[in-house]
Amino acid sequence: MTESTANTVPKTYPCPCCGTQTAWQNNKYKPFCSDRCKLIDLGAWANEEYTLPAESTPFSDEL
């Protein structure tokens, strides 16, 4: 593949919400494929669906 050919083939990646292969260049919704997936992810974040496991601290019952 020549350098000029590499520039014409857009790089793609899976949308983190739905998995659809999406072009990175000129994508105003990146890293998502669409406004819909972007809003679904925002709603999941707002509903606190994204959490990390945490251990309780020794003084957490005193709060």
PDB file of N, CA and C in Angstrom:
ATOM      1  N   MET A   1       0.847  -1.173   0.000  1.00  0.00           N
ATOM      2  CA  MET A   1       0.000   0.000   0.000  1.00  0.00           C
ATOM      3  C   MET A   1       0.893   1.236   0.000  1.00  0.00           C
ATOM      4  N   THR A   2       0.643   2.144  -0.872  1.00  0.00           N
ATOM      5  CA  THR A   2       1.438   3.362  -0.936  1.00  0.00           C
ATOM      6  C   THR A   2       0.902   4.377   0.058  1.00  0.00           C
ATOM      7  N   GLU A   3       1.670   5.402   0.284  1.00  0.00           N
ATOM      8  CA  GLU A   3       1.275   6.425   1.242  1.00  0.00           C
ATOM      9  C   GLU A   3       0.002   7.148   0.808  1.00  0.00           C
ATOM     10  N   SER A   4      -0.158   7.410  -0.473  1.00  0.00           N
ATOM     11  CA  SER A   4      -1.352   8.102  -0.963  1.00  0.00           C
ATOM     12  C   SER A   4      -2.586   7.221  -0.820  1.00  0.00           C
ATOM     13  N   THR A   5      -2.440   5.901  -0.955  1.00  0.00           N
ATOM     14  CA  THR A   5      -3.571   4.993  -0.785  1.00  0.00           C
ATOM     15  C   THR A   5      -3.976   4.903   0.684  1.00  0.00           C
ATOM     16  N   ALA A   6      -2.999   4.928   1.579  1.00  0.00           N
ATOM     17  CA  ALA A   6      -3.288   4.839   3.010  1.00  0.00           C
ATOM     18  C   ALA A   6      -4.107   6.035   3.479  1.00  0.00           C
ATOM     19  N   ASN A   7      -3.898   7.192   2.878  1.00  0.00           N
ATOM     20  CA  ASN A   7      -4.636   8.387   3.276  1.00  0.00           C
ATOM     21  C   ASN A   7      -6.071   8.388   2.779  1.00  0.00           C
ATOM     22  N   THR A   8      -6.398   7.598   1.753  1.00  0.00           N
ATOM     23  CA  THR A   8      -7.750   7.601   1.211  1.00  0.00           C
ATOM     24  C   THR A   8      -8.660   6.597   1.903  1.00  0.00           C
ATOM     25  N   VAL A   9      -8.088   5.593   2.581  1.00  0.00           N
ATOM     26  CA  VAL A   9      -8.897   4.595   3.271  1.00  0.00           C
ATOM     27  C   VAL A   9      -9.113   5.072   4.708  1.00  0.00           C
ATOM     28  N   PRO A  10     -10.349   5.405   5.059  1.00  0.00           N
ATOM     29  CA  PRO A  10     -10.581   5.907   6.417  1.00  0.00           C
ATOM     30  C   PRO A  10     -10.411   4.798   7.454  1.00  0.00           C
ATOM     31  N   LYS A  11      -9.821   5.153   8.581  1.00  0.00           N
ATOM     32  CA  LYS A  11      -9.682   4.203   9.676  1.00  0.00           C
ATOM     33  C   LYS A  11     -11.039   4.048  10.345  1.00  0.00           C
ATOM     34  N   THR A  12     -11.367   2.819  10.687  1.00  0.00           N
ATOM     35  CA  THR A  12     -12.642   2.569  11.356  1.00  0.00           C
ATOM     36  C   THR A  12     -12.393   1.912  12.698  1.00  0.00           C
ATOM     37  N   TYR A  13     -13.383   1.970  13.545  1.00  0.00           N
ATOM     38  CA  TYR A  13     -13.351   1.392  14.884  1.00  0.00           C
ATOM     39  C   TYR A  13     -14.784   1.072  15.269  1.00  0.00           C
ATOM     40  N   PRO A  14     -15.007   0.183  16.217  1.00  0.00           N
ATOM     41  CA  PRO A  14     -16.375  -0.113  16.635  1.00  0.00           C
ATOM     42  C   PRO A  14     -16.915   0.974  17.568  1.00  0.00           C
ATOM     43  N   CYS A  15     -18.151   1.337  17.369  1.00  0.00           N
ATOM     44  CA  CYS A  15     -18.830   2.291  18.251  1.00  0.00           C
ATOM     45  C   CYS A  15     -18.900   1.658  19.643  1.00  0.00           C
ATOM     46  N   PRO A  16     -18.545   2.380  20.710  1.00  0.00           N
ATOM     47  CA  PRO A  16     -18.580   1.802  22.045  1.00  0.00           C
ATOM     48  C   PRO A  16     -19.991   1.465  22.537  1.00  0.00           C
ATOM     49  N   CYS A  17     -20.995   1.997  21.893  1.00  0.00           N
ATOM     50  CA  CYS A  17     -22.373   1.745  22.321  1.00  0.00           C
ATOM     51  C   CYS A  17     -23.000   0.566  21.580  1.00  0.00           C
ATOM     52  N   CYS A  18     -22.918   0.579  20.237  1.00  0.00           N
ATOM     53  CA  CYS A  18     -23.614  -0.447  19.462  1.00  0.00           C
ATOM     54  C   CYS A  18     -22.690  -1.393  18.700  1.00  0.00           C
ATOM     55  N   GLY A  19     -21.399  -1.045  18.581  1.00  0.00           N
ATOM     56  CA  GLY A  19     -20.446  -1.906  17.901  1.00  0.00           C
ATOM     57  C   GLY A  19     -20.360  -1.731  16.399  1.00  0.00           C
ATOM     58  N   THR A  20     -21.126  -0.830  15.816  1.00  0.00           N
ATOM     59  CA  THR A  20     -21.074  -0.569  14.378  1.00  0.00           C
ATOM     60  C   THR A  20     -19.711  -0.009  14.000  1.00  0.00           C
ATOM     61  N   GLN A  21     -19.123  -0.527  12.923  1.00  0.00           N
ATOM     62  CA  GLN A  21     -17.848   0.010  12.448  1.00  0.00           C
ATOM     63  C   GLN A  21     -18.070   1.448  11.990  1.00  0.00           C
ATOM     64  N   THR A  22     -17.250   2.358  12.496  1.00  0.00           N
ATOM     65  CA  THR A  22     -17.443   3.783  12.290  1.00  0.00           C
ATOM     66  C   THR A  22     -16.142   4.423  11.838  1.00  0.00           C
ATOM     67  N   ALA A  23     -16.224   5.350  10.900  1.00  0.00           N
ATOM     68  CA  ALA A  23     -15.033   6.084  10.452  1.00  0.00           C
ATOM     69  C   ALA A  23     -14.670   7.132  11.489  1.00  0.00           C
ATOM     70  N   TRP A  24     -13.375   7.297  11.731  1.00  0.00           N
ATOM     71  CA  TRP A  24     -12.918   8.279  12.713  1.00  0.00           C
ATOM     72  C   TRP A  24     -12.882   9.681  12.103  1.00  0.00           C
ATOM     73  N   GLN A  25     -12.404   9.781  10.860  1.00  0.00           N
ATOM     74  CA  GLN A  25     -12.288  11.089  10.225  1.00  0.00           C
ATOM     75  C   GLN A  25     -13.659  11.673   9.918  1.00  0.00           C
ATOM     76  N   ASN A  26     -13.778  12.956  10.114  1.00  0.00           N
ATOM     77  CA  ASN A  26     -14.996  13.706   9.805  1.00  0.00           C
ATOM     78  C   ASN A  26     -16.235  13.137  10.487  1.00  0.00           C
ATOM     79  N   ASN A  27     -16.073  12.611  11.673  1.00  0.00           N
ATOM     80  CA  ASN A  27     -17.200  12.080  12.440  1.00  0.00           C
ATOM     81  C   ASN A  27     -17.434  13.010  13.626  1.00  0.00           C
ATOM     82  N   LYS A  28     -18.491  13.802  13.559  1.00  0.00           N
ATOM     83  CA  LYS A  28     -18.730  14.768  14.624  1.00  0.00           C
ATOM     84  C   LYS A  28     -19.236  14.114  15.914  1.00  0.00           C
ATOM     85  N   TYR A  29     -19.558  12.826  15.871  1.00  0.00           N
ATOM     86  CA  TYR A  29     -20.050  12.129  17.065  1.00  0.00           C
ATOM     87  C   TYR A  29     -18.990  11.254  17.722  1.00  0.00           C
ATOM     88  N   LYS A  30     -17.752  11.278  17.223  1.00  0.00           N
ATOM     89  CA  LYS A  30     -16.746  10.347  17.721  1.00  0.00           C
ATOM     90  C   LYS A  30     -16.577  10.458  19.223  1.00  0.00           C
ATOM     91  N   PRO A  31     -16.429   9.385  19.894  1.00  0.00           N
ATOM     92  CA  PRO A  31     -16.140   8.041  19.429  1.00  0.00           C
ATOM     93  C   PRO A  31     -17.376   7.226  19.062  1.00  0.00           C
ATOM     94  N   PHE A  32     -18.537   7.840  19.051  1.00  0.00           N
ATOM     95  CA  PHE A  32     -19.776   7.128  18.733  1.00  0.00           C
ATOM     96  C   PHE A  32     -20.083   7.219  17.244  1.00  0.00           C
ATOM     97  N   CYS A  33     -21.004   6.374  16.776  1.00  0.00           N
ATOM     98  CA  CYS A  33     -21.346   6.366  15.353  1.00  0.00           C
ATOM     99  C   CYS A  33     -22.442   7.381  15.024  1.00  0.00           C
ATOM    100  N   SER A  34     -23.228   7.767  16.025  1.00  0.00           N
ATOM    101  CA  SER A  34     -24.354   8.658  15.752  1.00  0.00           C
ATOM    102  C   SER A  34     -24.725   9.441  17.008  1.00  0.00           C
ATOM    103  N   ASP A  35     -25.582  10.418  16.820  1.00  0.00           N
ATOM    104  CA  ASP A  35     -26.087  11.201  17.943  1.00  0.00           C
ATOM    105  C   ASP A  35     -26.897  10.300  18.887  1.00  0.00           C
ATOM    106  N   ARG A  36     -27.592   9.330  18.336  1.00  0.00           N
ATOM    107  CA  ARG A  36     -28.391   8.400  19.150  1.00  0.00           C
ATOM    108  C   ARG A  36     -27.508   7.628  20.135  1.00  0.00           C
ATOM    109  N   CYS A  37     -26.414   7.049  19.646  1.00  0.00           N
ATOM    110  CA  CYS A  37     -25.509   6.305  20.523  1.00  0.00           C
ATOM    111  C   CYS A  37     -24.867   7.227  21.557  1.00  0.00           C
ATOM    112  N   LYS A  38     -24.556   8.438  21.153  1.00  0.00           N
ATOM    113  CA  LYS A  38     -23.973   9.418  22.067  1.00  0.00           C
ATOM    114  C   LYS A  38     -24.952   9.726  23.210  1.00  0.00           C
ATOM    115  N   LEU A  39     -26.226   9.886  22.882  1.00  0.00           N
ATOM    116  CA  LEU A  39     -27.229  10.191  23.901  1.00  0.00           C
ATOM    117  C   LEU A  39     -27.534   8.981  24.787  1.00  0.00           C
ATOM    118  N   ILE A  40     -27.497   7.781  24.221  1.00  0.00           N
ATOM    119  CA  ILE A  40     -27.693   6.570  25.020  1.00  0.00           C
ATOM    120  C   ILE A  40     -26.592   6.468  26.069  1.00  0.00           C
ATOM    121  N   ASP A  41     -25.351   6.712  25.659  1.00  0.00           N
ATOM    122  CA  ASP A  41     -24.233   6.658  26.588  1.00  0.00           C
ATOM    123  C   ASP A  41     -24.352   7.744  27.656  1.00  0.00           C
ATOM    124  N   LEU A  42     -24.740   8.933  27.267  1.00  0.00           N
ATOM    125  CA  LEU A  42     -24.921  10.024  28.228  1.00  0.00           C
ATOM    126  C   LEU A  42     -26.007   9.678  29.235  1.00  0.00           C
ATOM    127  N   GLY A  43     -27.098   9.068  28.770  1.00  0.00           N
ATOM    128  CA  GLY A  43     -28.171   8.662  29.678  1.00  0.00           C
ATOM    129  C   GLY A  43     -27.716   7.597  30.657  1.00  0.00           C
ATOM    130  N   ALA A  44     -26.906   6.651  30.197  1.00  0.00           N
ATOM    131  CA  ALA A  44     -26.383   5.615  31.090  1.00  0.00           C
ATOM    132  C   ALA A  44     -25.469   6.240  32.141  1.00  0.00           C
ATOM    133  N   TRP A  45     -24.672   7.201  31.725  1.00  0.00           N
ATOM    134  CA  TRP A  45     -23.795   7.899  32.663  1.00  0.00           C
ATOM    135  C   TRP A  45     -24.624   8.680  33.682  1.00  0.00           C
ATOM    136  N   ALA A  46     -25.656   9.379  33.228  1.00  0.00           N
ATOM    137  CA  ALA A  46     -26.496  10.174  34.121  1.00  0.00           C
ATOM    138  C   ALA A  46     -27.275   9.304  35.103  1.00  0.00           C
ATOM    139  N   ASN A  47     -27.627   8.077  34.683  1.00  0.00           N
ATOM    140  CA  ASN A  47     -28.348   7.148  35.567  1.00  0.00           C
ATOM    141  C   ASN A  47     -27.408   6.358  36.471  1.00  0.00           C
ATOM    142  N   GLU A  48     -26.129   6.733  36.461  1.00  0.00           N
ATOM    143  CA  GLU A  48     -25.106   6.091  37.286  1.00  0.00           C
ATOM    144  C   GLU A  48     -24.976   4.597  37.005  1.00  0.00           C
ATOM    145  N   GLU A  49     -25.130   4.210  35.735  1.00  0.00           N
ATOM    146  CA  GLU A  49     -24.957   2.817  35.345  1.00  0.00           C
ATOM    147  C   GLU A  49     -23.483   2.448  35.222  1.00  0.00           C
ATOM    148  N   TYR A  50     -22.614   3.433  35.135  1.00  0.00           N
ATOM    149  CA  TYR A  50     -21.182   3.185  35.071  1.00  0.00           C
ATOM    150  C   TYR A  50     -20.619   3.375  36.470  1.00  0.00           C
ATOM    151  N   THR A  51     -20.257   2.294  37.109  1.00  0.00           N
ATOM    152  CA  THR A  51     -19.695   2.381  38.450  1.00  0.00           C
ATOM    153  C   THR A  51     -18.429   1.544  38.532  1.00  0.00           C
ATOM    154  N   LEU A  52     -17.615   1.865  39.473  1.00  0.00           N
ATOM    155  CA  LEU A  52     -16.423   1.106  39.760  1.00  0.00           C
ATOM    156  C   LEU A  52     -16.592   0.453  41.122  1.00  0.00           C
ATOM    157  N   PRO A  53     -16.139  -0.775  41.260  1.00  0.00           N
ATOM    158  CA  PRO A  53     -16.246  -1.407  42.572  1.00  0.00           C
ATOM    159  C   PRO A  53     -15.358  -0.673  43.575  1.00  0.00           C
ATOM    160  N   ALA A  54     -15.840  -0.544  44.779  1.00  0.00           N
ATOM    161  CA  ALA A  54     -15.078   0.150  45.817  1.00  0.00           C
ATOM    162  C   ALA A  54     -15.180  -0.617  47.122  1.00  0.00           C
ATOM    163  N   GLU A  55     -14.100  -0.593  47.838  1.00  0.00           N
ATOM    164  CA  GLU A  55     -14.103  -1.209  49.160  1.00  0.00           C
ATOM    165  C   GLU A  55     -14.506  -0.145  50.166  1.00  0.00           C
ATOM    166  N   SER A  56     -15.200  -0.552  51.195  1.00  0.00           N
ATOM    167  CA  SER A  56     -15.579   0.433  52.212  1.00  0.00           C
ATOM    168  C   SER A  56     -14.348   0.770  53.044  1.00  0.00           C
ATOM    169  N   THR A  57     -14.308   1.992  53.484  1.00  0.00           N
ATOM    170  CA  THR A  57     -13.191   2.437  54.319  1.00  0.00           C
ATOM    171  C   THR A  57     -13.482   2.071  55.771  1.00  0.00           C
ATOM    172  N   PRO A  58     -12.470   1.996  56.604  1.00  0.00           N
ATOM    173  CA  PRO A  58     -12.707   1.604  57.987  1.00  0.00           C
ATOM    174  C   PRO A  58     -13.645   2.548  58.746  1.00  0.00           C
ATOM    175  N   PHE A  59     -13.734   3.807  58.319  1.00  0.00           N
ATOM    176  CA  PHE A  59     -14.573   4.777  59.015  1.00  0.00           C
ATOM    177  C   PHE A  59     -15.850   5.115  58.258  1.00  0.00           C
ATOM    178  N   SER A  60     -16.199   4.340  57.237  1.00  0.00           N
ATOM    179  CA  SER A  60     -17.359   4.681  56.428  1.00  0.00           C
ATOM    180  C   SER A  60     -18.675   4.575  57.210  1.00  0.00           C
ATOM    181  N   ASP A  61     -18.741   3.744  58.233  1.00  0.00           N
ATOM    182  CA  ASP A  61     -19.968   3.625  59.018  1.00  0.00           C
ATOM    183  C   ASP A  61     -20.154   4.789  59.981  1.00  0.00           C
ATOM    184  N   GLU A  62     -19.119   5.628  60.158  1.00  0.00           N
ATOM    185  CA  GLU A  62     -19.224   6.784  61.061  1.00  0.00           C
ATOM    186  C   GLU A  62     -19.753   8.023  60.367  1.00  0.00           C
ATOM    187  N   LEU A  63     -19.920   7.963  59.054  1.00  0.00           N
ATOM    188  CA  LEU A  63     -20.376   9.151  58.317  1.00  0.00           C
ATOM    189  C   LEU A  63     -21.858   9.296  58.365  1.00  0.00           C
TER     190      LEU A  63
END
